Amino acid sequence: MFLLAPKRLITRQVFSFIALGSAIALLGTFGCAPQTKSSPAAATTETAGSVQAATPQSGSSSGFQLVTLLENLEHPWGFAWLPTGNLLITERPGRLRIVRNGVLDPTPIAGIPDIFAESQGGLLDVVVHPRFANNRLVYLTYSHGVDSENRTRVARARFNGKSLINWQVIFEVSQTKDGGQHFGSRLLWLPDGTLLVSIGDGGNPPIELEGALIREQAQNLESHLGKVIRLNADGSIPVNNPFINDSAAVPEVWSYGHRNIQGLALDPIKNQVWATEHGAKGGDEVNLIAAGENYGWPLATHSQEYSGGPISPDTSLPGMIDPKVIWTPSIAPSGLTVYTGEDFPEWQGNLFAGGLVSQDLRRIEVDDSGNVVSEESLLIGQRVREVQQGPDGLLYVLTDESNGQLLRLEPLND
């Protein structure tokens, strides 16, 4: 079992769950406003053992302990376990860190190239190859370029224990864009060994591309912007991608009509792909993603312009897939996982979505058809950037702060 710190209780602070009776949450303000530039100073940390105990209200799920494992991470964005139980963590300013035996190595892993680390851009997600023990391959997403011309890239490299070697860019967005908004960019392995990558729409008004608002590229099948793309592990294009034979589409596209997906998860039991997507002013979404489908942005949306007024008169249109959950006001969703562990049996099969503005996890119960049954807010008290189930079957959370933390949810002690 992977443990970064003992489960013994050191300090306690009591929190309450906020039970929600419907899929429309009432926390949060705006969704995906630009973030401030991160400092280049290196982060250092050590293991911690503080615990916050969460006590349920009537009608909510069982309590949990929120254990602080690591501190002083600088805007961490993604994390991935190695077969040894060690942990890789990205920091948005451009560092890849490793946690060995529960201790964060103070020296970042070498081999990361220049990163465009401005606003929402930087070093973003990380996953390891399903056969990492044999090939040592690590995959990363990051923003590349300068303020006036930048794009999302996917790269892979071999990890020799200290450095990344043989760095190879296996995909980059076909069009460059202006500014530091809406890069995506979650990574998700599918059971067939292909890789999904979420790509943002490029940014908010007044950002334009080719004489129109850049967000309109989400409906353009000849653009990677506002899409989920699907690649083989070497960056080549799967022969069964939905638009592979469409001369009016780029062949990497798997789904389209997205604004900015920062949560992507596989339900391994139902073989379903889920995504959480930032809206603008309201209109955050949870979507059940299927190959070849159009998810509406910006033609069908519940979002409002930041300047006021609706983005579109339509919230639903024929031929477009409606979201399963809409959050207005926005929670600013980032990070998503499907729980299959044993420690919280009542949570099995539930979605867990992180909230940056709401500073919580949303536990979403769905039925076999993917329809939402209930939703509950689990208070974290910090901006939640990522959530994953660990090898030990517990939930782990990264918080997006200048003093970011790695937290673990454990069953409440009797």
Protein backbone atom coordinates (compact mmCIF):
# COMPACT_ATOMS: atom_id res chain seq x y z
CA MET A 1 0.00 0.00 0.00
CA PHE A 2 1.27 3.47 -0.92
CA LEU A 3 1.47 5.68 2.16
CA LEU A 4 3.15 9.10 2.30
CA ALA A 5 2.46 9.59 5.99
CA PRO A 6 1.06 7.50 8.83
CA LYS A 7 -2.69 7.57 9.38
CA ARG A 8 -2.29 8.49 13.05
CA LEU A 9 -4.19 11.57 14.13
CA ILE A 10 -2.06 14.57 15.17
CA THR A 11 -4.39 17.57 15.10
CA ARG A 12 -8.08 17.82 14.27
CA GLN A 13 -10.32 20.53 12.94
CA VAL A 14 -14.00 19.80 12.44
CA PHE A 15 -15.63 20.49 9.07
CA SER A 16 -19.10 19.78 7.74
CA PHE A 17 -20.20 18.48 4.40
CA ILE A 18 -22.54 20.66 2.41
CA ALA A 19 -25.24 18.28 1.21
CA LEU A 20 -26.76 19.19 -2.14
CA GLY A 21 -30.14 17.83 -3.15
CA SER A 22 -29.69 18.36 -6.89
CA ALA A 23 -27.06 18.52 -9.58
CA ILE A 24 -27.09 22.34 -9.57
CA ALA A 25 -24.54 23.56 -7.04
CA LEU A 26 -24.76 26.97 -5.39
CA LEU A 27 -21.10 27.60 -4.55
CA GLY A 28 -18.47 29.55 -6.45
CA THR A 29 -18.33 32.62 -8.63
CA PHE A 30 -16.61 32.81 -12.02
CA GLY A 31 -15.07 29.88 -13.84
CA CYS A 32 -11.78 30.30 -15.67
CA ALA A 33 -10.38 33.78 -15.15
CA PRO A 34 -6.64 34.24 -15.78
CA GLN A 35 -4.31 33.37 -12.92
CA THR A 36 -1.30 35.38 -11.82
CA LYS A 37 2.19 34.51 -12.96
CA SER A 38 4.03 32.09 -10.69
CA SER A 39 7.34 32.89 -9.07
CA PRO A 40 10.32 30.97 -10.46
CA ALA A 41 11.65 30.26 -7.00
CA ALA A 42 12.15 26.57 -6.27
CA ALA A 43 9.76 24.90 -3.81
CA THR A 44 10.91 22.73 -0.94
CA THR A 45 8.87 20.64 1.43
CA GLU A 46 8.87 17.70 3.80
CA THR A 47 6.26 15.21 4.88
CA ALA A 48 3.56 16.46 7.18
CA GLY A 49 1.05 14.72 9.38
CA SER A 50 -1.74 17.16 10.18
CA VAL A 51 -5.28 15.85 9.96
CA GLN A 52 -8.59 17.65 9.59
CA ALA A 53 -11.60 15.53 10.57
CA ALA A 54 -14.78 16.00 8.57
CA THR A 55 -18.06 15.17 10.30
CA PRO A 56 -21.14 14.48 8.18
CA GLN A 57 -24.44 16.28 8.48
CA SER A 58 -27.67 14.31 8.54
CA GLY A 59 -28.28 12.68 5.19
CA SER A 60 -24.69 13.01 3.96
CA SER A 61 -22.07 10.32 3.47
CA SER A 62 -19.74 9.03 6.17
CA GLY A 63 -17.01 11.22 7.58
CA PHE A 64 -13.39 11.35 6.49
CA GLN A 65 -10.05 12.59 7.74
CA LEU A 66 -8.20 15.05 5.53
CA VAL A 67 -4.48 14.28 5.98
CA THR A 68 -1.81 16.74 4.83
CA LEU A 69 1.05 14.77 3.26
CA LEU A 70 3.15 17.41 1.49
CA GLU A 71 3.34 21.21 1.62
CA ASN A 72 5.08 24.10 -0.15
CA LEU A 73 4.49 22.86 -3.68
CA GLU A 74 4.28 25.80 -6.08
CA HIS A 75 1.02 25.62 -8.01
CA PRO A 76 1.09 21.84 -8.53
CA TRP A 77 -1.05 20.71 -11.47
CA GLY A 78 -0.80 16.96 -12.04
CA PHE A 79 0.59 13.81 -10.44
CA ALA A 80 1.26 10.21 -11.38
CA TRP A 81 2.36 7.12 -9.46
CA LEU A 82 5.30 5.00 -10.52
CA PRO A 83 5.14 1.20 -10.07
CA THR A 84 7.48 1.55 -7.09
CA GLY A 85 4.93 3.70 -5.25
CA ASN A 86 6.97 6.85 -5.77
CA LEU A 87 5.08 9.86 -7.07
CA LEU A 88 5.71 12.40 -9.84
CA ILE A 89 4.21 15.89 -9.39
CA THR A 90 4.23 18.77 -11.88
CA GLU A 91 4.53 22.39 -10.78
CA ARG A 92 3.10 24.90 -13.23
CA PRO A 93 6.19 27.17 -13.33
CA GLY A 94 8.00 24.31 -15.11
CA ARG A 95 9.30 21.79 -12.60
CA LEU A 96 8.75 18.03 -12.33
CA ARG A 97 9.20 16.77 -8.77
CA ILE A 98 9.47 13.27 -7.33
CA VAL A 99 8.35 11.95 -3.96
CA ARG A 100 10.41 8.97 -2.80
CA ASN A 101 9.29 6.99 0.24
CA GLY A 102 7.03 9.83 1.29
CA VAL A 103 9.69 12.56 1.03
CA LEU A 104 9.78 15.21 -1.69
CA ASP A 105 13.20 15.36 -3.34
CA PRO A 106 14.36 19.00 -3.13
CA THR A 107 16.02 18.73 -6.55
CA PRO A 108 13.62 18.88 -9.52
CA ILE A 109 13.96 16.23 -12.20
CA ALA A 110 16.23 17.43 -14.99
CA GLY A 111 15.36 17.42 -18.67
CA ILE A 112 12.31 19.72 -18.83
CA PRO A 113 12.68 22.12 -21.81
CA ASP A 114 11.63 25.78 -21.87
CA ILE A 115 7.99 26.18 -20.84
CA PHE A 116 5.62 29.08 -21.51
CA ALA A 117 4.70 29.62 -17.85
CA GLU A 118 2.36 32.58 -17.94
CA SER A 119 -1.15 32.96 -16.47
CA GLN A 120 -2.83 29.52 -16.85
CA GLY A 121 0.07 28.13 -18.90
CA GLY A 122 3.06 26.11 -17.76
CA LEU A 123 3.93 22.49 -17.06
CA LEU A 124 0.55 20.84 -16.69
CA ASP A 125 -0.45 17.17 -16.60
CA VAL A 126 1.67 14.04 -16.25
CA VAL A 127 0.96 10.32 -16.75
CA VAL A 128 3.21 7.30 -17.09
CA HIS A 129 2.94 4.68 -19.81
CA PRO A 130 0.83 1.64 -18.80
CA ARG A 131 4.01 -0.46 -19.29
CA PHE A 132 6.30 2.02 -17.55
CA ALA A 133 8.15 -0.76 -15.71
CA ASN A 134 9.43 -1.95 -19.10
CA ASN A 135 9.84 1.26 -21.12
CA ARG A 136 10.24 4.03 -18.46
CA LEU A 137 8.10 6.45 -20.52
CA VAL A 138 6.60 9.57 -18.93
CA TYR A 139 4.06 11.77 -20.78
CA LEU A 140 3.56 15.48 -20.07
CA THR A 141 1.42 18.33 -21.36
CA TYR A 142 2.67 21.90 -21.34
CA SER A 143 2.26 25.28 -22.98
CA HIS A 144 4.97 26.22 -25.47
CA GLY A 145 5.88 29.49 -27.17
CA VAL A 146 5.61 33.16 -26.23
CA ASP A 147 2.71 35.38 -25.20
CA SER A 148 1.79 36.30 -28.78
CA GLU A 149 2.15 32.75 -30.17
CA ASN A 150 1.69 29.69 -27.99
CA ARG A 151 0.03 26.28 -28.00
CA THR A 152 -0.45 23.09 -26.02
CA ARG A 153 2.07 20.31 -26.58
CA VAL A 154 2.26 16.66 -25.53
CA ALA A 155 5.72 15.15 -25.07
CA ARG A 156 7.15 11.91 -23.82
CA ALA A 157 10.58 11.04 -22.43
CA ARG A 158 12.35 8.23 -20.61
CA PHE A 159 12.89 8.62 -16.89
CA ASN A 160 16.20 7.25 -15.64
CA GLY A 161 15.53 8.02 -11.98
CA LYS A 162 17.00 11.52 -12.01
CA SER A 163 16.42 12.97 -15.48
CA LEU A 164 14.11 12.84 -18.45
CA ILE A 165 16.02 11.78 -21.57
CA ASN A 166 15.10 11.43 -25.25
CA TRP A 167 12.46 14.17 -25.03
CA GLN A 168 10.05 13.83 -27.95
CA VAL A 169 7.11 16.10 -28.83
CA ILE A 170 4.43 13.68 -30.04
CA PHE A 171 1.65 16.23 -30.58
CA GLU A 172 1.11 19.98 -30.72
CA VAL A 173 -1.99 22.05 -31.45
CA SER A 174 -2.03 23.02 -35.11
CA GLN A 175 -2.74 26.73 -34.51
CA THR A 176 -0.89 29.12 -32.25
CA LYS A 177 -2.84 31.57 -30.13
CA ASP A 178 -2.39 34.77 -28.16
CA GLY A 179 -2.34 35.02 -24.36
CA GLY A 180 -2.18 32.59 -21.48
CA GLN A 181 -5.68 31.09 -21.33
CA HIS A 182 -7.37 27.74 -21.95
CA PHE A 183 -4.70 25.14 -22.66
CA GLY A 184 -6.63 22.12 -21.37
CA SER A 185 -4.88 19.74 -20.82
CA ARG A 186 -5.63 16.49 -19.03
CA LEU A 187 -4.24 13.14 -20.13
CA LEU A 188 -6.13 9.83 -19.86
CA TRP A 189 -5.17 6.32 -20.96
CA LEU A 190 -7.95 4.21 -22.41
CA PRO A 191 -8.06 0.42 -21.96
CA ASP A 192 -6.94 -0.10 -25.59
CA GLY A 193 -3.66 1.74 -24.92
CA THR A 194 -4.62 4.95 -26.68
CA LEU A 195 -4.27 8.35 -25.02
CA LEU A 196 -6.91 11.07 -24.69
CA VAL A 197 -5.80 14.71 -24.38
CA SER A 198 -8.11 17.64 -23.65
CA ILE A 199 -7.34 20.87 -25.54
CA GLY A 200 -8.87 24.21 -24.55
CA ASP A 201 -10.60 26.58 -26.94
CA GLY A 202 -7.85 29.20 -26.77
CA GLY A 203 -9.34 31.89 -24.55
CA ASN A 204 -12.02 34.46 -23.81
CA PRO A 205 -13.06 37.52 -25.83
CA PRO A 206 -11.52 39.65 -27.19
CA ILE A 207 -8.99 36.96 -28.25
CA GLU A 208 -9.47 36.21 -31.94
CA LEU A 209 -8.12 33.80 -34.53
CA GLU A 210 -8.58 34.19 -38.27
CA GLY A 211 -10.89 37.18 -37.85
CA ALA A 212 -13.35 35.62 -35.38
CA LEU A 213 -13.46 34.94 -31.65
CA ILE A 214 -11.05 32.10 -30.99
CA ARG A 215 -13.64 30.16 -28.99
CA GLU A 216 -15.52 29.49 -32.26
CA GLN A 217 -12.71 27.08 -33.17
CA ALA A 218 -14.35 24.58 -30.79
CA GLN A 219 -16.90 23.92 -33.59
CA ASN A 220 -14.26 23.80 -36.35
CA LEU A 221 -13.27 20.20 -37.03
CA GLU A 222 -10.18 21.43 -38.90
CA SER A 223 -8.81 22.83 -35.63
CA HIS A 224 -7.53 21.09 -32.48
CA LEU A 225 -8.83 23.92 -30.26
CA GLY A 226 -11.80 23.05 -28.04
CA LYS A 227 -11.42 19.30 -28.58
CA VAL A 228 -10.57 16.01 -26.95
CA ILE A 229 -8.01 14.32 -29.16
CA ARG A 230 -6.98 10.65 -29.25
CA LEU A 231 -3.46 9.42 -30.01
CA ASN A 232 -1.53 6.21 -30.04
CA ALA A 233 1.24 6.00 -27.46
CA ASP A 234 3.84 7.13 -30.02
CA GLY A 235 1.74 10.11 -31.15
CA SER A 236 0.44 8.47 -34.31
CA ILE A 237 -3.29 8.55 -35.10
CA PRO A 238 -5.52 5.57 -34.27
CA VAL A 239 -7.11 4.14 -37.40
CA ASN A 240 -10.55 4.02 -35.73
CA ASN A 241 -10.71 7.68 -34.68
CA PRO A 242 -14.20 9.00 -35.53
CA PHE A 243 -13.09 11.56 -38.15
CA ILE A 244 -10.17 9.63 -39.62
CA ASN A 245 -11.83 9.49 -43.07
CA ASP A 246 -13.30 13.02 -43.01
CA SER A 247 -11.29 15.32 -45.28
CA ALA A 248 -12.81 18.34 -43.50
CA ALA A 249 -11.50 17.32 -40.06
CA VAL A 250 -8.14 16.88 -38.39
CA PRO A 251 -7.85 13.14 -37.73
CA GLU A 252 -6.83 13.39 -34.07
CA VAL A 253 -10.27 14.70 -33.00
CA TRP A 254 -12.24 12.38 -30.71
CA SER A 255 -14.93 14.83 -29.48
CA TYR A 256 -15.51 18.55 -29.95
CA GLY A 257 -17.46 21.60 -28.82
CA HIS A 258 -15.52 21.95 -25.55
CA ARG A 259 -14.41 25.13 -23.77
CA ASN A 260 -11.67 24.05 -21.37
CA ILE A 261 -11.62 20.52 -19.95
CA GLN A 262 -9.41 20.15 -16.87
CA GLY A 263 -10.95 16.97 -15.50
CA LEU A 264 -10.88 13.68 -17.43
CA ALA A 265 -11.55 10.25 -15.94
CA LEU A 266 -12.37 6.67 -16.91
CA ASP A 267 -14.95 4.58 -15.12
CA PRO A 268 -13.19 1.19 -15.40
CA ILE A 269 -16.32 -0.78 -14.49
CA LYS A 270 -18.75 0.86 -16.93
CA ASN A 271 -16.06 1.77 -19.47
CA GLN A 272 -17.29 5.37 -19.56
CA VAL A 273 -15.23 8.53 -20.07
CA TRP A 274 -16.20 11.55 -17.99
CA ALA A 275 -15.04 15.16 -18.23
CA THR A 276 -15.45 18.35 -16.22
CA GLU A 277 -15.32 21.56 -18.17
CA HIS A 278 -14.94 25.21 -17.21
CA GLY A 279 -17.77 27.46 -18.26
CA ALA A 280 -17.34 31.20 -18.41
CA LYS A 281 -19.56 33.12 -15.98
CA GLY A 282 -21.49 30.08 -14.79
CA GLY A 283 -22.21 27.09 -16.94
CA ASP A 284 -19.49 24.70 -15.75
CA GLU A 285 -20.26 21.21 -17.01
CA VAL A 286 -19.90 17.52 -16.28
CA ASN A 287 -20.11 15.53 -19.51
CA LEU A 288 -20.23 11.85 -20.43
CA ILE A 289 -17.86 11.83 -23.41
CA ALA A 290 -18.36 9.66 -26.48
CA ALA A 291 -16.36 9.45 -29.69
CA GLY A 292 -17.49 11.74 -32.50
CA GLU A 293 -19.95 13.78 -30.45
CA ASN A 294 -20.44 17.57 -30.29
CA TYR A 295 -20.78 19.08 -26.79
CA GLY A 296 -22.08 22.41 -27.94
CA TRP A 297 -19.61 25.13 -26.99
CA PRO A 298 -20.10 28.00 -27.74
CA LEU A 299 -23.36 27.48 -29.68
CA ALA A 300 -25.23 25.79 -26.83
CA THR A 301 -24.20 26.80 -23.33
CA HIS A 302 -25.51 27.97 -19.96
CA SER A 303 -22.55 30.37 -19.61
CA GLN A 304 -22.81 34.14 -19.58
CA GLU A 305 -20.31 36.62 -20.98
CA TYR A 306 -17.95 38.04 -18.36
CA SER A 307 -19.11 41.44 -19.60
CA GLY A 308 -22.74 40.39 -19.08
CA GLY A 309 -25.46 38.79 -21.16
CA PRO A 310 -25.78 35.28 -22.63
CA ILE A 311 -23.07 33.82 -24.85
CA SER A 312 -25.73 32.02 -26.87
CA PRO A 313 -29.53 32.16 -26.88
CA ASP A 314 -29.51 28.34 -26.86
CA THR A 315 -28.70 26.04 -23.97
CA SER A 316 -29.44 22.90 -26.01
CA LEU A 317 -29.45 22.19 -29.74
CA PRO A 318 -30.27 19.14 -31.89
CA GLY A 319 -27.23 17.00 -32.61
CA MET A 320 -25.36 18.28 -29.57
CA ILE A 321 -24.90 16.45 -26.26
CA ASP A 322 -26.29 18.10 -23.13
CA PRO A 323 -24.23 18.07 -19.92
CA LYS A 324 -25.12 15.79 -17.03
CA VAL A 325 -24.39 18.53 -14.47
CA ILE A 326 -24.39 22.32 -14.82
CA TRP A 327 -22.82 24.51 -12.15
CA THR A 328 -24.03 28.10 -11.98
CA PRO A 329 -22.41 29.97 -10.28
CA SER A 330 -19.17 28.31 -11.36
CA ILE A 331 -17.13 26.05 -9.11
CA ALA A 332 -14.21 26.23 -11.63
CA PRO A 333 -13.82 22.43 -11.95
CA SER A 334 -10.37 20.88 -12.22
CA GLY A 335 -9.45 17.26 -11.62
CA LEU A 336 -11.78 14.27 -11.83
CA THR A 337 -11.72 10.62 -10.80
CA VAL A 338 -14.10 7.67 -10.40
CA TYR A 339 -13.85 5.98 -7.01
CA THR A 340 -13.51 2.18 -6.92
CA GLY A 341 -11.78 1.72 -3.56
CA GLU A 342 -12.79 -0.35 -0.53
CA ASP A 343 -12.33 2.15 2.32
CA PHE A 344 -15.48 4.10 1.46
CA PRO A 345 -17.83 1.43 0.07
CA GLU A 346 -20.74 3.88 -0.13
CA TRP A 347 -18.67 5.97 -2.59
CA GLN A 348 -17.95 3.20 -5.07
CA GLY A 349 -18.76 4.24 -8.62
CA ASN A 350 -19.10 7.91 -7.68
CA LEU A 351 -17.40 10.76 -9.54
CA PHE A 352 -15.19 13.12 -7.55
CA ALA A 353 -14.66 16.54 -9.16
CA GLY A 354 -12.33 19.18 -7.79
CA GLY A 355 -13.39 22.82 -7.49
CA LEU A 356 -10.92 25.71 -7.64
CA VAL A 357 -13.31 28.50 -6.66
CA SER A 358 -15.57 26.34 -4.48
CA GLN A 359 -12.51 24.83 -2.73
CA ASP A 360 -14.16 21.45 -2.41
CA LEU A 361 -14.68 18.03 -3.94
CA ARG A 362 -18.04 17.33 -5.52
CA ARG A 363 -19.13 13.73 -4.96
CA ILE A 364 -21.52 12.87 -7.79
CA GLU A 365 -23.56 9.67 -7.73
CA VAL A 366 -24.63 8.42 -11.17
CA ASP A 367 -26.75 5.49 -12.29
CA ASP A 368 -25.81 2.85 -14.86
CA SER A 369 -26.98 5.10 -17.70
CA GLY A 370 -24.83 8.00 -16.56
CA ASN A 371 -27.68 10.06 -15.12
CA VAL A 372 -26.94 12.02 -11.95
CA VAL A 373 -28.70 10.76 -8.84
CA SER A 374 -27.24 13.09 -6.21
CA GLU A 375 -24.40 15.50 -5.50
CA GLU A 376 -22.58 16.46 -2.32
CA SER A 377 -19.86 18.99 -1.50
CA LEU A 378 -16.89 17.76 0.55
CA LEU A 379 -15.10 20.81 1.92
CA ILE A 380 -11.33 20.95 1.32
CA GLY A 381 -10.78 24.65 2.09
CA GLN A 382 -8.23 25.20 -0.70
CA ARG A 383 -8.33 25.44 -4.49
CA VAL A 384 -8.54 21.85 -5.71
CA ARG A 385 -6.52 21.35 -8.89
CA GLU A 386 -6.45 17.55 -9.16
CA VAL A 387 -7.95 14.47 -7.51
CA GLN A 388 -6.99 10.84 -8.09
CA GLN A 389 -7.48 7.48 -6.47
CA GLY A 390 -4.15 6.14 -5.28
CA PRO A 391 -2.80 2.58 -5.43
CA ASP A 392 -3.99 2.15 -1.83
CA GLY A 393 -7.61 2.86 -2.85
CA LEU A 394 -7.76 6.25 -1.10
CA LEU A 395 -8.39 9.65 -2.68
CA TYR A 396 -5.52 12.11 -3.10
CA VAL A 397 -5.94 15.83 -3.75
CA LEU A 398 -3.54 18.50 -5.07
CA THR A 399 -4.30 22.09 -4.12
CA ASP A 400 -3.44 24.92 -6.49
CA GLU A 401 -1.74 27.44 -4.25
CA SER A 402 1.67 29.10 -4.04
CA ASN A 403 1.95 26.84 -1.00
CA GLY A 404 0.21 23.91 -2.62
CA GLN A 405 -0.44 20.69 -0.72
CA LEU A 406 -0.96 17.01 -1.35
CA LEU A 407 -3.83 15.74 0.79
CA ARG A 408 -5.35 12.32 1.40
CA LEU A 409 -8.90 11.44 2.40
CA GLU A 410 -9.06 8.63 4.97
CA PRO A 411 -11.96 7.03 6.84
CA LEU A 412 -12.82 8.85 10.05
CA ASN A 413 -11.42 7.07 13.09
CA ASP A 414 -13.95 5.45 15.40
